[in-house]
């Protein structure tokens, strides 16, 4: 899924992803070697710091809201949203 997202960002916005920040969850540890090999900087938030995790959660909610807004704008059927 990350590779799809990376291609989408490159094609639609003509930007490169340089840094990934995550909360050190196991789902991100699985792709850590790939990120390093591809030249990405993978930053982790400090454990038990809601200030940093709250920042990431806020960014995540923003991305989700923008994505849902785009789906609504193009008239994508609701059954495919989840």
PDB file of N, CA and C in Angstrom:
ATOM      1  N   UNK A   1       0.822  -1.179   0.000  1.00  0.00           N
ATOM      2  CA  UNK A   1       0.000   0.000   0.000  1.00  0.00           C
ATOM      3  C   UNK A   1       0.873   1.252   0.000  1.00  0.00           C
ATOM      4  N   UNK A   2       1.997   1.187   0.706  1.00  0.00           N
ATOM      5  CA  UNK A   2       2.880   2.349   0.735  1.00  0.00           C
ATOM      6  C   UNK A   2       3.412   2.675  -0.658  1.00  0.00           C
ATOM      7  N   UNK A   3       3.766   1.646  -1.415  1.00  0.00           N
ATOM      8  CA  UNK A   3       4.269   1.882  -2.770  1.00  0.00           C
ATOM      9  C   UNK A   3       3.219   2.565  -3.632  1.00  0.00           C
ATOM     10  N   UNK A   4       1.970   2.158  -3.498  1.00  0.00           N
ATOM     11  CA  UNK A   4       0.885   2.816  -4.232  1.00  0.00           C
ATOM     12  C   UNK A   4       0.769   4.285  -3.834  1.00  0.00           C
ATOM     13  N   UNK A   5       0.839   4.532  -2.526  1.00  0.00           N
ATOM     14  CA  UNK A   5       0.740   5.899  -2.022  1.00  0.00           C
ATOM     15  C   UNK A   5       1.894   6.750  -2.546  1.00  0.00           C
ATOM     16  N   UNK A   6       3.083   6.185  -2.539  1.00  0.00           N
ATOM     17  CA  UNK A   6       4.263   6.904  -3.022  1.00  0.00           C
ATOM     18  C   UNK A   6       4.099   7.285  -4.493  1.00  0.00           C
ATOM     19  N   UNK A   7       3.646   6.366  -5.309  1.00  0.00           N
ATOM     20  CA  UNK A   7       3.430   6.633  -6.733  1.00  0.00           C
ATOM     21  C   UNK A   7       2.339   7.679  -6.917  1.00  0.00           C
ATOM     22  N   UNK A   8       1.272   7.578  -6.134  1.00  0.00           N
ATOM     23  CA  UNK A   8       0.178   8.545  -6.217  1.00  0.00           C
ATOM     24  C   UNK A   8       0.678   9.958  -5.920  1.00  0.00           C
ATOM     25  N   UNK A   9       1.449  10.117  -4.857  1.00  0.00           N
ATOM     26  CA  UNK A   9       1.979  11.429  -4.485  1.00  0.00           C
ATOM     27  C   UNK A   9       2.872  11.970  -5.590  1.00  0.00           C
ATOM     28  N   UNK A  10       3.708  11.109  -6.153  1.00  0.00           N
ATOM     29  CA  UNK A  10       4.607  11.535  -7.225  1.00  0.00           C
ATOM     30  C   UNK A  10       3.819  11.980  -8.455  1.00  0.00           C
ATOM     31  N   UNK A  11       2.829  11.196  -8.856  1.00  0.00           N
ATOM     32  CA  UNK A  11       2.071  11.497 -10.073  1.00  0.00           C
ATOM     33  C   UNK A  11       1.125  12.681  -9.906  1.00  0.00           C
ATOM     34  N   UNK A  12       0.438  12.759  -8.789  1.00  0.00           N
ATOM     35  CA  UNK A  12      -0.579  13.787  -8.615  1.00  0.00           C
ATOM     36  C   UNK A  12      -0.013  15.119  -8.145  1.00  0.00           C
ATOM     37  N   UNK A  13       0.983  15.076  -7.278  1.00  0.00           N
ATOM     38  CA  UNK A  13       1.498  16.312  -6.688  1.00  0.00           C
ATOM     39  C   UNK A  13       2.911  16.661  -7.145  1.00  0.00           C
ATOM     40  N   UNK A  14       3.537  15.740  -7.888  1.00  0.00           N
ATOM     41  CA  UNK A  14       4.909  15.923  -8.343  1.00  0.00           C
ATOM     42  C   UNK A  14       5.855  16.199  -7.170  1.00  0.00           C
ATOM     43  N   UNK A  15       5.663  15.443  -6.086  1.00  0.00           N
ATOM     44  CA  UNK A  15       6.493  15.565  -4.895  1.00  0.00           C
ATOM     45  C   UNK A  15       7.100  14.207  -4.562  1.00  0.00           C
ATOM     46  N   UNK A  16       8.191  14.233  -3.814  1.00  0.00           N
ATOM     47  CA  UNK A  16       8.804  13.008  -3.330  1.00  0.00           C
ATOM     48  C   UNK A  16       8.618  12.921  -1.826  1.00  0.00           C
ATOM     49  N   UNK A  17       8.334  11.721  -1.344  1.00  0.00           N
ATOM     50  CA  UNK A  17       8.259  11.484   0.090  1.00  0.00           C
ATOM     51  C   UNK A  17       9.686  11.293   0.575  1.00  0.00           C
ATOM     52  N   UNK A  18      10.084  12.061   1.577  1.00  0.00           N
ATOM     53  CA  UNK A  18      11.456  11.978   2.078  1.00  0.00           C
ATOM     54  C   UNK A  18      11.526  11.387   3.480  1.00  0.00           C
ATOM     55  N   UNK A  19      10.520  11.684   4.301  1.00  0.00           N
ATOM     56  CA  UNK A  19      10.543  11.268   5.696  1.00  0.00           C
ATOM     57  C   UNK A  19       9.210  10.634   6.068  1.00  0.00           C
ATOM     58  N   UNK A  20       9.276   9.578   6.838  1.00  0.00           N
ATOM     59  CA  UNK A  20       8.098   8.912   7.387  1.00  0.00           C
ATOM     60  C   UNK A  20       8.222   9.000   8.900  1.00  0.00           C
ATOM     61  N   UNK A  21       7.149   9.402   9.562  1.00  0.00           N
ATOM     62  CA  UNK A  21       7.150   9.417  11.031  1.00  0.00           C
ATOM     63  C   UNK A  21       6.026   8.525  11.511  1.00  0.00           C
ATOM     64  N   UNK A  22       6.367   7.622  12.427  1.00  0.00           N
ATOM     65  CA  UNK A  22       5.364   6.700  12.954  1.00  0.00           C
ATOM     66  C   UNK A  22       5.538   6.573  14.462  1.00  0.00           C
ATOM     67  N   UNK A  23       4.602   5.855  15.058  1.00  0.00           N
ATOM     68  CA  UNK A  23       4.611   5.703  16.513  1.00  0.00           C
ATOM     69  C   UNK A  23       5.295   4.422  16.963  1.00  0.00           C
ATOM     70  N   UNK A  24       6.152   3.857  16.120  1.00  0.00           N
ATOM     71  CA  UNK A  24       6.911   2.640  16.436  1.00  0.00           C
ATOM     72  C   UNK A  24       6.007   1.420  16.587  1.00  0.00           C
ATOM     73  N   UNK A  25       4.848   1.466  15.939  1.00  0.00           N
ATOM     74  CA  UNK A  25       3.936   0.329  15.977  1.00  0.00           C
ATOM     75  C   UNK A  25       4.496  -0.805  15.123  1.00  0.00           C
ATOM     76  N   UNK A  26       4.047  -2.007  15.393  1.00  0.00           N
ATOM     77  CA  UNK A  26       4.589  -3.184  14.710  1.00  0.00           C
ATOM     78  C   UNK A  26       4.349  -3.155  13.203  1.00  0.00           C
ATOM     79  N   UNK A  27       3.238  -2.557  12.750  1.00  0.00           N
ATOM     80  CA  UNK A  27       2.980  -2.535  11.320  1.00  0.00           C
ATOM     81  C   UNK A  27       4.021  -1.707  10.566  1.00  0.00           C
ATOM     82  N   UNK A  28       4.662  -0.751  11.231  1.00  0.00           N
ATOM     83  CA  UNK A  28       5.697   0.044  10.588  1.00  0.00           C
ATOM     84  C   UNK A  28       7.072  -0.609  10.723  1.00  0.00           C
ATOM     85  N   UNK A  29       7.264  -1.446  11.716  1.00  0.00           N
ATOM     86  CA  UNK A  29       8.535  -2.139  11.879  1.00  0.00           C
ATOM     87  C   UNK A  29       8.743  -3.151  10.756  1.00  0.00           C
ATOM     88  N   UNK A  30       7.652  -3.656  10.200  1.00  0.00           N
ATOM     89  CA  UNK A  30       7.736  -4.643   9.126  1.00  0.00           C
ATOM     90  C   UNK A  30       8.353  -4.026   7.880  1.00  0.00           C
ATOM     91  N   UNK A  31       8.052  -2.771   7.583  1.00  0.00           N
ATOM     92  CA  UNK A  31       8.568  -2.143   6.365  1.00  0.00           C
ATOM     93  C   UNK A  31       9.812  -1.297   6.621  1.00  0.00           C
ATOM     94  N   UNK A  32      10.345  -1.357   7.820  1.00  0.00           N
ATOM     95  CA  UNK A  32      11.490  -0.525   8.180  1.00  0.00           C
ATOM     96  C   UNK A  32      12.699  -0.785   7.277  1.00  0.00           C
ATOM     97  N   UNK A  33      12.992  -2.031   6.993  1.00  0.00           N
ATOM     98  CA  UNK A  33      14.135  -2.357   6.124  1.00  0.00           C
ATOM     99  C   UNK A  33      13.916  -1.818   4.715  1.00  0.00           C
ATOM    100  N   UNK A  34      12.687  -1.937   4.233  1.00  0.00           N
ATOM    101  CA  UNK A  34      12.378  -1.395   2.906  1.00  0.00           C
ATOM    102  C   UNK A  34      12.583   0.117   2.874  1.00  0.00           C
ATOM    103  N   UNK A  35      12.108   0.806   3.905  1.00  0.00           N
ATOM    104  CA  UNK A  35      12.247   2.258   3.951  1.00  0.00           C
ATOM    105  C   UNK A  35      13.714   2.671   3.957  1.00  0.00           C
ATOM    106  N   UNK A  36      14.524   1.973   4.730  1.00  0.00           N
ATOM    107  CA  UNK A  36      15.953   2.288   4.788  1.00  0.00           C
ATOM    108  C   UNK A  36      16.617   2.028   3.440  1.00  0.00           C
ATOM    109  N   UNK A  37      16.286   0.906   2.803  1.00  0.00           N
ATOM    110  CA  UNK A  37      16.881   0.568   1.510  1.00  0.00           C
ATOM    111  C   UNK A  37      16.471   1.556   0.419  1.00  0.00           C
ATOM    112  N   UNK A  38      15.258   2.104   0.537  1.00  0.00           N
ATOM    113  CA  UNK A  38      14.760   3.047  -0.465  1.00  0.00           C
ATOM    114  C   UNK A  38      15.217   4.474  -0.192  1.00  0.00           C
ATOM    115  N   UNK A  39      15.936   4.687   0.914  1.00  0.00           N
ATOM    116  CA  UNK A  39      16.471   6.004   1.202  1.00  0.00           C
ATOM    117  C   UNK A  39      15.559   6.925   1.983  1.00  0.00           C
ATOM    118  N   UNK A  40      14.504   6.394   2.570  1.00  0.00           N
ATOM    119  CA  UNK A  40      13.600   7.201   3.379  1.00  0.00           C
ATOM    120  C   UNK A  40      14.163   7.366   4.789  1.00  0.00           C
ATOM    121  N   UNK A  41      13.879   8.480   5.398  1.00  0.00           N
ATOM    122  CA  UNK A  41      14.203   8.678   6.804  1.00  0.00           C
ATOM    123  C   UNK A  41      12.966   8.268   7.591  1.00  0.00           C
ATOM    124  N   UNK A  42      13.115   7.309   8.487  1.00  0.00           N
ATOM    125  CA  UNK A  42      11.995   6.824   9.288  1.00  0.00           C
ATOM    126  C   UNK A  42      12.185   7.293  10.726  1.00  0.00           C
ATOM    127  N   UNK A  43      11.374   8.240  11.131  1.00  0.00           N
ATOM    128  CA  UNK A  43      11.438   8.795  12.486  1.00  0.00           C
ATOM    129  C   UNK A  43      10.347   8.161  13.342  1.00  0.00           C
ATOM    130  N   UNK A  44      10.666   7.969  14.602  1.00  0.00           N
ATOM    131  CA  UNK A  44       9.699   7.418  15.546  1.00  0.00           C
ATOM    132  C   UNK A  44       9.389   8.450  16.620  1.00  0.00           C
ATOM    133  N   UNK A  45       8.159   8.453  17.073  1.00  0.00           N
ATOM    134  CA  UNK A  45       7.826   9.291  18.209  1.00  0.00           C
ATOM    135  C   UNK A  45       8.272   8.582  19.483  1.00  0.00           C
ATOM    136  N   UNK A  46       8.506   9.341  20.521  1.00  0.00           N
ATOM    137  CA  UNK A  46       8.907   8.761  21.797  1.00  0.00           C
ATOM    138  C   UNK A  46       7.720   8.038  22.421  1.00  0.00           C
ATOM    139  N   UNK A  47       7.947   6.864  23.024  1.00  0.00           N
ATOM    140  CA  UNK A  47       6.830   6.153  23.643  1.00  0.00           C
ATOM    141  C   UNK A  47       6.247   6.939  24.815  1.00  0.00           C
ATOM    142  N   UNK A  48       4.965   6.801  24.984  1.00  0.00           N
ATOM    143  CA  UNK A  48       4.227   7.387  26.099  1.00  0.00           C
ATOM    144  C   UNK A  48       4.272   8.919  26.101  1.00  0.00           C
ATOM    145  N   UNK A  49       4.386   9.513  24.926  1.00  0.00           N
ATOM    146  CA  UNK A  49       4.333  10.972  24.827  1.00  0.00           C
ATOM    147  C   UNK A  49       3.142  11.335  23.961  1.00  0.00           C
ATOM    148  N   UNK A  50       2.030  11.604  24.609  1.00  0.00           N
ATOM    149  CA  UNK A  50       0.819  11.899  23.855  1.00  0.00           C
ATOM    150  C   UNK A  50       0.961  13.180  23.047  1.00  0.00           C
ATOM    151  N   UNK A  51       1.883  14.056  23.413  1.00  0.00           N
ATOM    152  CA  UNK A  51       2.066  15.279  22.653  1.00  0.00           C
ATOM    153  C   UNK A  51       2.520  14.955  21.228  1.00  0.00           C
ATOM    154  N   UNK A  52       3.507  14.069  21.103  1.00  0.00           N
ATOM    155  CA  UNK A  52       3.992  13.697  19.780  1.00  0.00           C
ATOM    156  C   UNK A  52       2.988  12.812  19.060  1.00  0.00           C
ATOM    157  N   UNK A  53       2.436  11.844  19.761  1.00  0.00           N
ATOM    158  CA  UNK A  53       1.474  10.949  19.124  1.00  0.00           C
ATOM    159  C   UNK A  53       0.211  11.710  18.731  1.00  0.00           C
ATOM    160  N   UNK A  54      -0.173  12.690  19.525  1.00  0.00           N
ATOM    161  CA  UNK A  54      -1.332  13.508  19.183  1.00  0.00           C
ATOM    162  C   UNK A  54      -1.108  14.280  17.903  1.00  0.00           C
ATOM    163  N   UNK A  55       0.107  14.750  17.684  1.00  0.00           N
ATOM    164  CA  UNK A  55       0.450  15.468  16.464  1.00  0.00           C
ATOM    165  C   UNK A  55       0.286  14.555  15.258  1.00  0.00           C
ATOM    166  N   UNK A  56       0.810  13.351  15.364  1.00  0.00           N
ATOM    167  CA  UNK A  56       0.697  12.389  14.263  1.00  0.00           C
ATOM    168  C   UNK A  56      -0.761  11.998  14.044  1.00  0.00           C
ATOM    169  N   UNK A  57      -1.492  11.768  15.122  1.00  0.00           N
ATOM    170  CA  UNK A  57      -2.906  11.428  14.992  1.00  0.00           C
ATOM    171  C   UNK A  57      -3.665  12.543  14.286  1.00  0.00           C
ATOM    172  N   UNK A  58      -3.338  13.776  14.619  1.00  0.00           N
ATOM    173  CA  UNK A  58      -3.983  14.914  13.961  1.00  0.00           C
ATOM    174  C   UNK A  58      -3.693  14.941  12.472  1.00  0.00           C
ATOM    175  N   UNK A  59      -2.439  14.692  12.107  1.00  0.00           N
ATOM    176  CA  UNK A  59      -2.070  14.631  10.689  1.00  0.00           C
ATOM    177  C   UNK A  59      -2.801  13.480   9.994  1.00  0.00           C
ATOM    178  N   UNK A  60      -2.884  12.345  10.676  1.00  0.00           N
ATOM    179  CA  UNK A  60      -3.578  11.183  10.111  1.00  0.00           C
ATOM    180  C   UNK A  60      -5.046  11.502   9.861  1.00  0.00           C
ATOM    181  N   UNK A  61      -5.698  12.124  10.833  1.00  0.00           N
ATOM    182  CA  UNK A  61      -7.107  12.488  10.658  1.00  0.00           C
ATOM    183  C   UNK A  61      -7.282  13.461   9.499  1.00  0.00           C
ATOM    184  N   UNK A  62      -6.335  14.385   9.354  1.00  0.00           N
ATOM    185  CA  UNK A  62      -6.392  15.354   8.264  1.00  0.00           C
ATOM    186  C   UNK A  62      -6.316  14.649   6.914  1.00  0.00           C
ATOM    187  N   UNK A  63      -5.373  13.713   6.779  1.00  0.00           N
ATOM    188  CA  UNK A  63      -5.225  12.977   5.525  1.00  0.00           C
ATOM    189  C   UNK A  63      -6.487  12.168   5.224  1.00  0.00           C
ATOM    190  N   UNK A  64      -7.041  11.528   6.245  1.00  0.00           N
ATOM    191  CA  UNK A  64      -8.261  10.743   6.055  1.00  0.00           C
ATOM    192  C   UNK A  64      -9.420  11.642   5.620  1.00  0.00           C
ATOM    193  N   UNK A  65      -9.572  12.797   6.256  1.00  0.00           N
ATOM    194  CA  UNK A  65     -10.649  13.721   5.895  1.00  0.00           C
ATOM    195  C   UNK A  65     -10.501  14.232   4.472  1.00  0.00           C
ATOM    196  N   UNK A  66      -9.284  14.544   4.067  1.00  0.00           N
ATOM    197  CA  UNK A  66      -9.047  14.994   2.692  1.00  0.00           C
ATOM    198  C   UNK A  66      -9.376  13.870   1.714  1.00  0.00           C
ATOM    199  N   UNK A  67      -8.946  12.665   2.034  1.00  0.00           N
ATOM    200  CA  UNK A  67      -9.246  11.529   1.170  1.00  0.00           C
ATOM    201  C   UNK A  67     -10.741  11.294   1.020  1.00  0.00           C
ATOM    202  N   UNK A  68     -11.463  11.350   2.126  1.00  0.00           N
ATOM    203  CA  UNK A  68     -12.913  11.164   2.056  1.00  0.00           C
ATOM    204  C   UNK A  68     -13.584  12.296   1.288  1.00  0.00           C
ATOM    205  N   UNK A  69     -13.085  13.511   1.451  1.00  0.00           N
ATOM    206  CA  UNK A  69     -13.630  14.649   0.709  1.00  0.00           C
ATOM    207  C   UNK A  69     -13.424  14.461  -0.790  1.00  0.00           C
ATOM    208  N   UNK A  70     -12.242  13.966  -1.169  1.00  0.00           N
ATOM    209  CA  UNK A  70     -11.984  13.720  -2.587  1.00  0.00           C
ATOM    210  C   UNK A  70     -12.883  12.627  -3.138  1.00  0.00           C
ATOM    211  N   UNK A  71     -13.091  11.576  -2.346  1.00  0.00           N
ATOM    212  CA  UNK A  71     -13.999  10.504  -2.780  1.00  0.00           C
ATOM    213  C   UNK A  71     -15.407  11.035  -2.995  1.00  0.00           C
ATOM    214  N   UNK A  72     -15.859  11.890  -2.084  1.00  0.00           N
ATOM    215  CA  UNK A  72     -17.186  12.470  -2.213  1.00  0.00           C
ATOM    216  C   UNK A  72     -17.256  13.386  -3.436  1.00  0.00           C
ATOM    217  N   UNK A  73     -16.217  14.161  -3.653  1.00  0.00           N
ATOM    218  CA  UNK A  73     -16.187  15.118  -4.756  1.00  0.00           C
ATOM    219  C   UNK A  73     -16.304  14.435  -6.116  1.00  0.00           C
ATOM    220  N   UNK A  74     -15.614  13.306  -6.281  1.00  0.00           N
ATOM    221  CA  UNK A  74     -15.650  12.613  -7.566  1.00  0.00           C
ATOM    222  C   UNK A  74     -16.845  11.667  -7.683  1.00  0.00           C
ATOM    223  N   UNK A  75     -17.651  11.566  -6.636  1.00  0.00           N
ATOM    224  CA  UNK A  75     -18.846  10.735  -6.688  1.00  0.00           C
ATOM    225  C   UNK A  75     -18.576   9.257  -6.563  1.00  0.00           C
ATOM    226  N   UNK A  76     -17.503   8.882  -5.874  1.00  0.00           N
ATOM    227  CA  UNK A  76     -17.167   7.483  -5.670  1.00  0.00           C
ATOM    228  C   UNK A  76     -18.244   6.822  -4.822  1.00  0.00           C
ATOM    229  N   UNK A  77     -18.756   5.646  -5.196  1.00  0.00           N
ATOM    230  CA  UNK A  77     -19.836   5.004  -4.435  1.00  0.00           C
ATOM    231  C   UNK A  77     -19.445   4.743  -2.970  1.00  0.00           C
ATOM    232  N   UNK A  78     -20.382   4.963  -2.071  1.00  0.00           N
ATOM    233  CA  UNK A  78     -20.141   4.827  -0.637  1.00  0.00           C
ATOM    234  C   UNK A  78     -19.684   3.426  -0.233  1.00  0.00           C
ATOM    235  N   UNK A  79     -20.128   2.397  -0.953  1.00  0.00           N
ATOM    236  CA  UNK A  79     -19.783   1.026  -0.561  1.00  0.00           C
ATOM    237  C   UNK A  79     -18.283   0.746  -0.678  1.00  0.00           C
ATOM    238  N   UNK A  80     -17.517   1.577  -1.386  1.00  0.00           N
ATOM    239  CA  UNK A  80     -16.083   1.374  -1.544  1.00  0.00           C
ATOM    240  C   UNK A  80     -15.251   2.248  -0.596  1.00  0.00           C
ATOM    241  N   UNK A  81     -15.859   3.044   0.228  1.00  0.00           N
ATOM    242  CA  UNK A  81     -15.138   3.986   1.054  1.00  0.00           C
ATOM    243  C   UNK A  81     -14.362   3.322   2.184  1.00  0.00           C
ATOM    244  N   UNK A  82     -14.787   2.212   2.674  1.00  0.00           N
ATOM    245  CA  UNK A  82     -14.125   1.601   3.838  1.00  0.00           C
ATOM    246  C   UNK A  82     -13.209   0.499   3.409  1.00  0.00           C
TER     247      UNK A  82
END
